[in-house]
Every structure is written in structure tokens, then in C-alpha cells.
Protein backbone atom coordinates (compact mmCIF):
# COMPACT_ATOMS: atom_id res chain seq x y z
CA MET A 1 108.44 26.30 -6.72
CA ILE A 2 105.53 28.83 -6.49
CA GLY A 3 106.63 32.14 -4.92
CA LYS A 4 104.92 33.90 -1.98
CA GLY A 5 103.44 36.68 -4.13
CA LEU A 6 101.78 33.88 -6.29
CA ARG A 7 100.49 31.95 -3.18
CA LYS A 8 98.91 35.17 -1.90
CA ALA A 9 97.29 36.17 -5.13
CA ILE A 10 95.92 32.48 -5.35
CA ILE A 11 94.51 32.74 -1.85
CA MET A 12 93.00 36.02 -2.49
CA LEU A 13 91.35 34.85 -5.86
CA ALA A 14 89.79 31.82 -4.06
CA PHE A 15 88.40 33.86 -1.35
CA VAL A 16 86.65 36.08 -4.09
CA ILE A 17 85.42 33.07 -6.09
CA THR A 18 84.12 31.45 -2.88
CA GLY A 19 82.15 34.53 -1.83
CA VAL A 20 80.57 34.77 -5.29
CA HIS A 21 79.49 31.16 -5.29
CA LEU A 22 78.10 31.38 -1.70
CA SER A 23 76.16 34.43 -2.52
CA ALA A 24 74.55 32.69 -5.35
CA GLN A 25 74.01 29.29 -3.64
CA ASN A 26 70.23 29.45 -3.11
CA LEU A 27 69.60 30.72 -6.54
CA ASP A 28 71.76 28.04 -8.15
CA THR A 29 69.83 25.32 -6.23
CA ALA A 30 66.57 26.56 -7.44
CA VAL A 31 67.76 26.70 -11.13
CA ILE A 32 69.44 23.26 -10.93
CA LEU A 33 66.17 21.86 -9.41
CA GLN A 34 64.42 23.10 -12.59
CA THR A 35 66.94 22.44 -15.15
CA LYS A 36 69.07 19.47 -13.84
CA SER A 37 71.04 19.22 -17.20
CA PRO A 38 70.61 22.46 -19.07
CA ASN A 39 71.42 22.34 -22.78
CA TYR A 40 73.08 25.75 -23.06
CA THR A 41 74.25 25.40 -26.72
CA SER A 42 70.55 25.10 -27.87
CA LYS A 43 69.73 28.54 -26.22
CA TYR A 44 73.02 30.52 -26.16
CA SER A 45 76.20 31.09 -28.07
CA THR A 46 79.17 29.67 -25.99
CA TRP A 47 82.34 30.06 -28.07
CA THR A 48 84.41 33.24 -28.45
CA ILE A 49 87.81 34.28 -30.04
CA GLY A 50 89.61 37.35 -28.90
CA LEU A 51 92.36 39.60 -30.08
CA SER A 52 94.26 41.77 -27.69
CA ALA A 53 97.23 44.28 -27.51
CA GLY A 54 98.66 46.15 -24.61
CA LEU A 55 101.70 46.96 -22.29
CA SER A 56 103.89 44.19 -20.74
CA THR A 57 106.20 45.10 -17.84
CA PRO A 58 107.98 43.35 -14.99
CA TYR A 59 106.05 45.62 -12.64
CA THR A 60 103.09 44.07 -10.95
CA LEU A 61 100.39 45.18 -8.78
CA VAL A 62 100.61 41.82 -6.88
CA GLY A 63 103.95 40.96 -4.85
CA TYR A 64 107.01 42.93 -3.80
CA ASN A 65 108.45 44.72 -6.76
CA SER A 66 111.52 45.78 -4.79
CA ARG A 67 112.58 42.07 -4.87
CA GLN A 68 112.60 41.83 -8.68
CA ASP A 69 116.01 41.24 -10.26
CA PHE A 70 115.86 44.76 -11.92
CA THR A 71 114.73 47.69 -9.83
CA SER A 72 113.45 49.90 -12.68
CA PRO A 73 110.74 48.29 -14.81
CA ASP A 74 110.17 49.62 -18.25
CA VAL A 75 107.12 49.13 -20.50
CA GLN A 76 107.02 47.17 -23.77
CA LEU A 77 104.34 45.98 -26.27
CA GLY A 78 102.56 42.68 -26.17
CA TYR A 79 99.73 40.99 -27.93
CA GLY A 80 97.69 37.96 -27.43
CA LEU A 81 94.95 35.77 -28.75
CA ASN A 82 92.48 33.75 -26.71
CA ILE A 83 89.73 31.12 -27.27
CA LYS A 84 87.10 30.43 -24.87
CA ASP A 85 84.19 27.90 -24.34
CA GLN A 86 81.48 29.25 -21.92
CA LEU A 87 80.22 26.10 -20.08
CA SER A 88 77.81 27.62 -17.69
CA TYR A 89 76.45 31.02 -16.79
CA GLU A 90 79.43 31.74 -14.49
CA PHE A 91 82.37 29.48 -15.67
CA GLY A 92 84.23 29.00 -19.05
CA LEU A 93 87.63 27.39 -20.07
CA GLN A 94 90.02 29.77 -21.99
CA ALA A 95 92.98 28.88 -23.85
CA ASP A 96 95.43 31.93 -24.11
CA PHE A 97 98.36 32.72 -26.40
CA PHE A 98 100.73 35.68 -25.65
CA ALA A 99 103.95 36.98 -27.16
CA GLY A 100 105.89 40.25 -26.65
CA LYS A 101 108.83 41.83 -24.95
CA LEU A 102 110.06 42.62 -21.48
CA ARG A 103 112.46 45.20 -20.39
CA GLY A 104 113.88 46.43 -17.07
CA ASP A 105 116.96 48.63 -15.80
CA HIS A 106 119.24 48.63 -12.98
CA ALA A 107 120.09 45.20 -11.73
CA GLN A 108 120.03 44.59 -7.78
CA GLN A 109 123.84 44.00 -7.55
CA ILE A 110 126.02 47.08 -7.61
CA LEU A 111 129.82 46.71 -8.45
CA SER A 112 132.47 48.31 -6.25
CA SER A 113 132.77 51.13 -8.78
CA GLY A 114 129.21 52.09 -8.02
CA ALA A 115 127.97 50.80 -11.35
CA TYR A 116 125.07 48.20 -11.70
CA LEU A 117 126.16 44.79 -12.59
CA TYR A 118 123.75 44.90 -15.58
CA SER A 119 122.39 48.24 -16.89
CA SER A 120 119.25 46.51 -18.36
CA PHE A 121 117.60 43.29 -19.79
CA ASP A 122 115.58 42.66 -22.93
CA THR A 123 113.52 39.45 -22.91
CA LYS A 124 111.46 38.34 -25.87
CA ILE A 125 108.53 36.19 -25.09
CA ASN A 126 108.60 34.05 -28.21
CA TRP A 127 105.24 32.43 -27.31
CA SER A 128 103.24 31.36 -24.43
CA ALA A 129 100.20 29.06 -24.04
CA SER A 130 98.11 28.51 -21.13
CA LEU A 131 94.63 27.14 -19.93
CA SER A 132 92.58 29.19 -17.52
CA ALA A 133 89.25 28.80 -15.59
CA ASN A 134 87.32 32.03 -16.37
CA PHE A 135 84.69 33.03 -13.79
CA THR A 136 82.11 35.84 -14.66
CA VAL A 137 81.51 37.40 -11.24
CA ALA A 138 78.69 39.90 -11.89
CA HIS A 139 76.61 41.64 -14.58
CA PHE A 140 75.78 45.28 -15.07
CA TYR A 141 72.31 45.82 -16.70
CA ASN A 142 70.79 48.65 -18.62
CA SER A 143 67.17 50.12 -18.27
CA LYS A 144 66.10 47.30 -20.56
CA HIS A 145 67.47 44.64 -18.34
CA HIS A 146 70.12 43.84 -20.94
CA SER A 147 73.67 43.00 -19.68
CA VAL A 148 76.22 45.74 -20.83
CA ALA A 149 79.23 44.53 -18.98
CA GLU A 150 80.53 41.62 -17.01
CA PRO A 151 83.55 41.80 -14.59
CA TYR A 152 85.70 38.55 -14.71
CA LEU A 153 88.43 36.71 -12.87
CA SER A 154 90.59 34.01 -14.15
CA ILE A 155 93.44 31.68 -13.06
CA GLY A 156 95.36 28.99 -14.89
CA GLY A 157 98.32 27.45 -15.93
CA GLY A 158 100.71 27.23 -19.03
CA ILE A 159 104.16 27.14 -20.70
CA MET A 160 106.20 29.95 -22.27
CA SER A 161 109.35 30.17 -24.32
CA TYR A 162 111.67 33.16 -23.89
CA THR A 163 115.00 34.47 -24.94
CA PRO A 164 116.80 37.09 -22.66
CA VAL A 165 119.64 39.44 -23.38
CA LEU A 166 121.68 41.22 -20.57
CA HIS A 167 123.33 44.58 -21.21
CA SER A 168 125.94 46.33 -19.20
CA TYR A 169 127.79 49.60 -19.20
CA PHE A 170 131.35 48.20 -19.88
CA THR A 171 130.72 44.84 -21.71
CA SER A 172 129.01 43.52 -24.85
CA PRO A 173 125.49 42.31 -24.42
CA VAL A 174 125.21 38.68 -23.06
CA TYR A 175 122.75 36.61 -25.27
CA MET A 176 121.21 33.93 -23.25
CA PRO A 177 119.90 30.80 -24.83
CA SER A 178 116.10 30.32 -25.32
CA SER A 179 114.48 28.63 -22.54
CA SER A 180 110.93 27.48 -21.52
CA ALA A 181 109.14 27.43 -18.17
CA PHE A 182 105.86 26.89 -16.50
CA TYR A 183 103.77 29.94 -15.65
CA PHE A 184 100.59 30.77 -13.98
CA PRO A 185 98.40 33.55 -15.33
CA LEU A 186 96.16 35.31 -12.78
CA ALA A 187 93.82 37.88 -14.43
CA ALA A 188 91.04 40.39 -13.62
CA GLY A 189 88.90 42.52 -16.14
CA ILE A 190 85.73 43.65 -17.52
CA LYS A 191 84.08 43.01 -20.90
CA PHE A 192 81.61 45.47 -22.49
CA ASN A 193 79.04 44.22 -24.83
CA LEU A 194 79.38 46.36 -27.85
CA THR A 195 77.06 44.30 -30.05
CA ARG A 196 75.62 40.75 -30.00
CA ALA A 197 78.69 39.69 -31.80
CA ILE A 198 81.64 41.90 -30.26
CA ASN A 199 82.66 42.56 -26.79
CA LEU A 200 85.31 45.07 -25.79
CA ASP A 201 87.70 43.31 -23.34
CA LEU A 202 89.79 45.54 -20.91
CA GLY A 203 91.85 43.35 -18.59
CA TYR A 204 95.10 43.06 -16.32
CA GLN A 205 97.13 39.87 -16.09
CA VAL A 206 99.90 38.92 -13.82
CA ASN A 207 102.17 35.85 -15.01
CA PHE A 208 103.99 34.11 -12.27
CA SER A 209 106.81 32.05 -13.74
CA ASN A 210 108.21 29.10 -11.78
CA THR A 211 111.93 30.11 -12.71
CA ASP A 212 114.09 33.17 -11.77
CA ASP A 213 115.75 33.52 -15.06
CA VAL A 214 113.05 35.14 -17.40
CA ASP A 215 115.08 38.18 -17.32
CA GLY A 216 118.25 36.20 -17.81
CA TYR A 217 119.56 37.18 -14.36
CA LYS A 218 119.10 35.25 -11.14
CA TYR A 219 119.14 37.09 -7.87
CA GLY A 220 117.64 36.29 -4.42
CA GLY A 221 114.90 33.52 -3.97
CA THR A 222 112.13 35.13 -5.59
CA ASN A 223 110.81 33.90 -9.17
CA ASP A 224 110.18 36.35 -11.93
CA ARG A 225 106.77 37.66 -12.74
CA PHE A 226 105.36 40.20 -15.27
CA SER A 227 102.04 41.76 -16.00
CA TYR A 228 100.07 42.31 -19.23
CA THR A 229 97.71 45.28 -19.28
CA HIS A 230 95.51 45.04 -22.45
CA ILE A 231 92.69 46.12 -24.50
CA GLY A 232 91.02 43.73 -26.99
CA LEU A 233 87.98 42.63 -28.97
CA GLU A 234 86.28 39.43 -28.29
CA PHE A 235 84.21 37.97 -31.27
CA ILE A 236 81.19 35.68 -30.47
CA LEU A 237 81.05 32.70 -32.65
CA GLY A 238 77.83 31.07 -33.76
CA ASP A 239 74.31 32.14 -34.28
CA HIS A 240 74.23 35.77 -33.27
CA ARG A 241 70.43 35.78 -32.81
CA LYS A 242 71.22 33.76 -29.69
CA PRO A 243 72.65 35.66 -26.56
CA HIS A 244 76.19 34.97 -25.46
CA LEU A 245 75.93 32.64 -22.21
CA ALA A 246 78.46 34.74 -20.39
CA SER A 247 76.17 37.82 -20.85
CA VAL A 248 73.32 35.99 -19.00
CA SER A 249 73.09 35.64 -15.26
CA ARG A 250 71.26 32.77 -13.56
CA ALA A 251 68.80 35.32 -12.24
CA SER A 252 67.79 36.64 -15.42
CA ALA A 253 67.77 33.36 -17.11
CA LEU A 254 65.31 32.13 -14.49
CA ILE A 255 63.01 35.31 -14.96
CA ASP A 256 63.20 34.69 -18.77
CA GLU A 257 62.29 31.16 -18.45
CA ALA A 258 59.44 31.95 -16.28
CA GLN A 259 58.12 34.65 -18.48
CA LEU A 260 58.56 32.17 -21.54
CA ARG A 261 56.62 29.43 -19.59
CA GLU A 262 53.78 31.96 -18.71
CA LYS A 263 53.60 33.19 -22.19
CA ARG A 264 53.48 29.40 -23.48
CA MET A 265 50.71 28.71 -20.84
CA GLN A 266 48.76 32.09 -21.86
CA THR A 267 48.99 30.95 -25.58
CA ALA A 268 47.74 27.40 -24.72
CA TYR A 269 44.92 28.80 -22.68
CA ASP A 270 44.02 31.19 -25.56
CA ASP A 271 44.19 28.37 -27.90
CA GLN A 272 41.74 26.35 -25.72
CA ILE A 273 39.35 29.22 -25.36
CA GLU A 274 39.48 29.62 -29.28
CA GLN A 275 38.66 25.91 -29.67
CA LEU A 276 35.82 26.00 -27.35
CA LYS A 277 34.35 28.92 -29.10
CA VAL A 278 34.69 27.09 -32.53
CA LYS A 279 33.00 24.01 -30.84
CA ASN A 280 30.27 26.20 -29.17
CA ASN A 281 29.58 28.00 -32.32
CA LYS A 282 29.31 24.50 -34.22
CA LEU A 283 26.99 23.34 -31.55
CA ASN A 284 24.72 26.23 -31.74
CA ASN A 285 24.69 25.82 -35.70
CA ASP A 286 23.77 22.07 -35.13
CA LEU A 287 21.05 22.97 -32.55
CA GLU A 288 19.67 25.55 -34.95
CA ILE A 289 19.55 23.02 -37.69
CA ALA A 290 18.01 20.42 -35.48
CA ASN A 291 15.36 22.97 -34.32
CA LYS A 292 14.40 23.61 -37.90
CA ILE A 293 14.18 19.97 -38.77
CA ILE A 294 12.05 19.37 -35.74
CA ALA A 295 9.80 22.23 -36.63
CA ARG A 296 9.41 21.04 -40.05
CA TYR A 297 8.52 17.48 -39.10
CA ALA A 298 6.14 18.75 -36.55
CA GLU A 299 4.11 20.87 -39.10
CA ASP A 300 0.39 20.02 -39.21
CA ASN A 301 -1.29 22.31 -41.59
CA ASP A 302 -4.72 20.73 -41.54
CA GLY A 303 -4.62 20.33 -37.80
CA ASP A 304 -5.89 16.84 -37.63
CA GLY A 305 -3.25 15.85 -35.23
CA VAL A 306 -1.10 13.86 -37.68
CA PRO A 307 2.22 15.68 -38.85
CA ASP A 308 2.36 16.57 -42.52
CA PHE A 309 5.11 14.07 -43.29
CA LEU A 310 3.01 11.13 -42.16
CA ASP A 311 -0.42 12.50 -43.17
CA LYS A 312 -1.46 10.56 -46.21
CA CYS A 313 -4.58 12.72 -46.54
CA PRO A 314 -3.69 16.29 -46.23
CA ASN A 315 -6.15 19.20 -46.02
CA THR A 316 -8.81 17.24 -44.14
CA PRO A 317 -11.73 19.38 -43.10
CA ALA A 318 -11.41 21.05 -39.59
CA GLY A 319 -12.73 18.73 -36.71
CA ALA A 320 -12.78 15.61 -38.95
CA LYS A 321 -11.93 12.45 -37.19
CA VAL A 322 -8.96 10.68 -38.83
CA ASP A 323 -7.15 7.55 -38.47
CA GLY A 324 -3.38 7.04 -37.66
CA SER A 325 -2.33 8.13 -41.32
CA GLY A 326 -4.40 11.27 -41.23
CA CYS A 327 -7.35 10.05 -43.40
CA PRO A 328 -11.00 10.68 -42.55
CA LEU A 329 -12.82 7.83 -40.54
CA PRO A 330 -15.91 6.42 -42.37
CA GLU A 331 -19.22 7.65 -40.97
CA GLU A 332 -20.49 5.11 -38.48
CA LYS A 333 -23.91 3.69 -39.72
CA PRO A 334 -26.04 1.98 -37.34
CA VAL A 335 -25.59 -1.65 -38.21
CA ALA A 336 -26.82 -4.66 -36.32
CA LYS A 337 -24.21 -6.43 -34.52
CA VAL A 338 -23.32 -9.71 -36.17
CA GLU A 339 -23.30 -12.72 -34.19
CA ALA A 340 -19.68 -13.66 -33.66
CA LYS A 341 -18.43 -17.09 -34.38
CA SER A 342 -15.96 -18.60 -32.13
CA GLU A 343 -14.40 -21.02 -34.66
CA LEU A 344 -10.77 -19.57 -34.37
CA THR A 345 -7.89 -21.69 -35.25
CA LEU A 346 -4.35 -21.63 -33.81
CA GLU A 347 -3.12 -19.66 -36.98
CA ASP A 348 -5.81 -17.00 -36.20
CA TRP A 349 -4.66 -16.49 -32.63
CA ARG A 350 -1.11 -16.27 -34.08
CA VAL A 351 -2.10 -13.40 -36.36
CA VAL A 352 -3.80 -11.67 -33.26
CA THR A 353 -0.50 -12.14 -31.16
CA ASN A 354 1.67 -10.99 -33.97
CA THR A 355 -0.43 -7.76 -34.47
CA MET A 356 -0.10 -7.05 -30.88
CA ARG A 357 3.68 -7.31 -30.99
CA SER A 358 4.14 -5.30 -34.12
CA LEU A 359 1.84 -2.40 -32.98
CA GLU A 360 4.08 0.61 -32.20
CA PHE A 361 3.46 4.34 -32.11
CA TYR A 362 5.82 7.31 -32.79
CA SER A 363 7.04 8.61 -29.56
CA GLY A 364 4.35 10.77 -27.64
CA THR A 365 1.85 10.50 -30.45
CA ALA A 366 -1.04 8.23 -31.72
CA VAL A 367 0.46 7.94 -35.15
CA ILE A 368 0.74 4.14 -35.88
CA SER A 369 4.21 3.00 -37.04
CA GLU A 370 4.16 1.93 -40.72
CA SER A 371 5.67 -1.46 -39.73
CA ALA A 372 2.60 -2.58 -38.06
CA PHE A 373 0.41 -2.08 -41.21
CA PRO A 374 0.99 -5.67 -42.83
CA ASP A 375 -0.22 -7.32 -39.53
CA LEU A 376 -3.09 -5.06 -39.08
CA ASN A 377 -4.18 -5.76 -42.63
CA LYS A 378 -4.13 -9.61 -41.71
CA LEU A 379 -6.12 -8.89 -38.71
CA VAL A 380 -8.69 -7.10 -40.95
CA GLN A 381 -8.97 -10.23 -43.04
CA LEU A 382 -9.48 -12.38 -39.97
CA ILE A 383 -12.19 -10.17 -38.50
CA ILE A 384 -14.15 -10.01 -41.60
CA SER A 385 -13.75 -13.58 -42.74
CA LYS A 386 -14.68 -15.06 -39.14
CA LYS A 387 -17.20 -12.13 -38.28
CA GLN A 388 -15.48 -11.59 -35.04
CA LEU A 389 -16.03 -8.71 -32.44
CA LEU A 390 -12.81 -6.97 -31.38
CA LYS A 391 -11.81 -5.35 -28.25
CA ILE A 392 -8.82 -2.93 -28.20
CA GLU A 393 -7.20 -2.13 -24.88
CA VAL A 394 -4.33 0.47 -24.91
CA TYR A 395 -1.97 1.26 -22.05
CA VAL A 396 0.85 3.67 -21.82
CA ALA A 397 3.97 4.12 -19.43
CA ASN A 398 3.79 6.47 -16.60
CA SER A 399 5.11 9.99 -17.59
CA GLY A 400 3.99 11.56 -14.51
CA LYS A 401 0.94 13.25 -16.12
CA SER A 402 -2.04 10.80 -15.71
CA GLU A 403 -4.39 12.99 -17.80
CA ALA A 404 -2.19 13.21 -20.67
CA ASP A 405 -1.38 9.58 -20.45
CA LEU A 406 -5.12 8.67 -20.43
CA LYS A 407 -5.68 10.83 -23.47
CA LEU A 408 -2.91 9.57 -25.26
CA SER A 409 -4.08 5.86 -24.69
CA LYS A 410 -7.52 6.73 -25.92
CA ASP A 411 -6.34 8.40 -29.08
CA ARG A 412 -4.19 5.44 -29.77
CA ALA A 413 -6.95 3.00 -29.21
CA GLU A 414 -9.14 5.24 -31.59
CA ALA A 415 -6.25 5.29 -34.26
CA ILE A 416 -6.18 1.49 -34.25
CA LYS A 417 -10.03 1.35 -34.62
CA GLY A 418 -9.96 4.02 -37.27
CA TYR A 419 -7.34 2.14 -39.37
CA LEU A 420 -9.38 -1.12 -39.13
CA ALA A 421 -12.50 0.61 -39.98
CA ASN A 422 -10.93 2.40 -42.88
CA LYS A 423 -9.97 -1.03 -44.12
CA GLY A 424 -13.45 -2.42 -44.11
CA VAL A 425 -14.08 -3.79 -40.53
CA ILE A 426 -17.56 -2.51 -39.32
CA ALA A 427 -16.94 0.17 -36.77
CA ALA A 428 -19.69 -1.09 -34.51
CA ASN A 429 -18.00 -4.41 -34.12
CA ILE A 430 -14.95 -2.67 -32.47
CA THR A 431 -14.69 -1.46 -28.94
CA ALA A 432 -11.62 0.73 -28.23
CA ILE A 433 -10.83 1.66 -24.76
CA GLY A 434 -7.80 3.64 -23.43
CA PHE A 435 -6.49 2.98 -19.82
CA GLY A 436 -3.67 5.52 -19.47
CA ASN A 437 -0.81 4.60 -17.20
CA THR A 438 -2.82 2.23 -15.05
CA LYS A 439 -2.33 -1.48 -14.38
CA PRO A 440 1.46 -1.38 -15.04
CA VAL A 441 3.05 -4.91 -15.49
CA ALA A 442 6.56 -3.75 -14.96
CA SER A 443 8.66 -0.96 -13.23
CA ASN A 444 8.48 2.49 -14.86
CA LYS A 445 11.88 3.08 -13.41
CA THR A 446 13.77 1.38 -16.29
CA ALA A 447 13.58 1.61 -20.02
CA ARG A 448 12.56 -1.96 -20.41
CA GLY A 449 9.93 -1.72 -18.00
CA ARG A 450 8.37 1.42 -19.63
CA LYS A 451 8.53 -0.44 -23.05
CA ILE A 452 6.67 -3.37 -21.51
CA ASN A 453 3.97 -1.02 -19.88
CA GLU A 454 3.40 0.49 -23.50
CA ARG A 455 1.21 -2.27 -24.70
CA VAL A 456 -1.83 -2.88 -26.94
CA ILE A 457 -4.22 -5.98 -26.07
CA LEU A 458 -6.47 -7.29 -28.63
CA THR A 459 -9.33 -9.65 -27.85
CA LEU A 460 -11.59 -11.42 -30.39
CA ASN A 461 -14.86 -12.94 -29.24
């Protein structure tokens, strides 16, 4: 049966633990919302092993010492070992092992002679083992926001083996047989973080037994209890580069997580900026190369209007009229017009049609595409053999600049005429007209329509 002192101690500890958890409720909720299933072992060290030594005595700070079986408690030596797994920021499970001695003088009962029934007792705690819930209730930080100390409370239950010896003034010692009993340890203390691997542990523990014969003497209705005041070292196991979980509060963990997230975001932002700079530099280099290529292909050293890479007759005299390939046009000699014949076959008209389809110019220029040369050559043979007159009509798409469009169409008509004349057709038999962007046959709002409007019409008669 649990004594009144133990019940009071348990109630008092419950109030302390409840207060700590209520004060941290809002912060806990915020953290849980962000990390529903935290993997503590990946970020922190959680296992520790501790060794302690100290003083054990029947005197306790909890309960009524006047009701103890012996009225004058003595102090003896004790030692302990503990192993703990920190399961969360505030909570851990701890296994404790303890051994030592207890001693007290002056039994409660007094003989008629005035002497005590028992002068003293000596009890050897052969061993004890318990499992406790350990609560970290606060953290003390230094100027660098590193935890330097953590107060704690613990409560648990276990079993112990003990052997009492009773002494009297007039008889031989009474050696009691070894016994075992359940007990309930209640402890409070503080741990100082000496290094990342070692903590200094100062603690006070009251052990409430469920029996009244730990001292070998039963008196009254109160179970025996004893205290253990200790100093010890706690060794943190695992990777010491990781902080120990008990030395980290939820608040500081949340701050560290936010700072880490901000650092990662800043790093990602810096990486993106650097990638954009690299892409921008590459784009600028590509643009510079493209401008150099365009400038090279736009070079026209002889000023005849035909770029050098298409000019088959470079270095023509200034002001000379040239055909689409940059070669000078032959001088027009007044020649009487030849009567045209009208005997044109279906194949002849097919030559004319194919020539109109294949006639194309480099964009924005009057330079004839080389793909049209074979059909133009066939047209030359047709005109010469059939002694035909040729009318050339050139139209361009509407660019929004009528004068420029008219000039371009005229230049293209003259380029066709120049090519045919250069191949042997009498220039006087050729009429070349440029109509600019007039008479469109399709909409200039679409690429297909503009392509249709860019047309050449050849008429033989």
C-alpha cells in the first residue's frame, strides 16, 4: 500500500509536470503541425549512460520523518548506474540501478528501563532496479544561446533486494533474511553540460518502499523510505557532433529549423541567380557571335546592292547596274522589236508556270534564290527559240512602308530582267514592272497570306 507521503509527492509532481506542459502547449502545437513525426535520431544524440555516487539516508525532505521506525537517521554511501533514451525534447525513459547502505539509530519503542528496543539498524541495499519517466522542465542558456543546464524531474517504479541487521544494547545483533520489495523513486535534479559528450548530474531522489521492514523493524503504519543525494557524470553516446536531445528545447529547435530553412532558401535563391547570370552571359555571347555573322553576311564591298557572299562578280564599278548575282547588266542596244510568235505549246506554258513557282528572293532583298536558276534558264531558251516578248510583274507583301515595298518590287523585277538579259534574251523584249504591295490576293495578317502576296507573274506574247 502506498503511504501518505508518497501520495503527496506524486500529486505535487503531477501538478509541476501539468504546469510545464500547459505553458508549452501552444509552442508544442506549432512544432507538431510542422513536424508531425520528427525523426530525432537523425538530428540528435538520444542515448546516455550515467554513473553516480552519493549519500543515502532514511531522512527525506518529503514526508514525516518523526514517523520513521528509527528517530535518528545516519548517512551512508551509495552508488548508482543509469541508462536513458531521450524520446522527445522533454521526455525520456530511464533505467536506474542502485546499491548502498542505510543506517539509523534509536528505535521508536523504549523499554521500561528507558533503553531503546533497538539501538540501531544497518541495511544493505544489495541491488535495486527501476524504470522512470524523466522530464526536462527547463533550459538555461549562455550568451551564445547554447543550453548549459537542464533541471529535471522523474518518477517511476522498481524492485529492490535488501538485507537488514538490528542492533541492541544488551543482545547480539539480529540478522534478518534478505528480502525484496517494490519501491517508487521520485527524483529532482539538474544537469550541467560540461562538454558535448559529458554532463554533470546533481540530484536528489526519495525512494518510497511498499513495505515497513527495509530497516528490519516494523513500527506504526508507515512504510519505509530513504533518500539518495548524488553527484555523477552522464556520458552521451553516439555521434558527438550532434547535440543531445535533452539539451535542446522545442523553442530553440523551432528557431534553428527556421534559420536552416531560411539559409537553404537563400542558397537556392543564390544558385538560381548564379544560373541566370550564366545563361545571360551565354546569351550575350551568342548574340555577339550572331551579330558578327550577320555583319559578315551583310558586307557589300563594291556597293552594288548584292552581299559579298552572293556576289559572283565582286568589285563591279560604282554605279554599274547588276543582276541578282551581282554581275553587270549588258548595255542595252537599240534593237528593233521582233515580231512575237504565238505558237506556244502546253509544255511551253508549263515552263512559264514552273518558273513563276520557283522564283524566290532572299528576305528583304532583290537577290534571286539560286533554286530558281534552272527554271529561269529554261525560260531563256523558250523566249529565244520562240522569239517571245516577256512581261514581268512583281508584287510584295505589305510591310507597312509603301515606298519601300514599291522600290523592292521594282528592284526584283529588274533583277529578273537582268538575269535573263545576261543569259542572252534581248533586253528590249522584256518589260519589268514592280507594283509594290498593291493588288493583294490574300490577307497580309497571316504568314500564308503574305507568302501568297509575294508573287511574280510572267506573261509571254
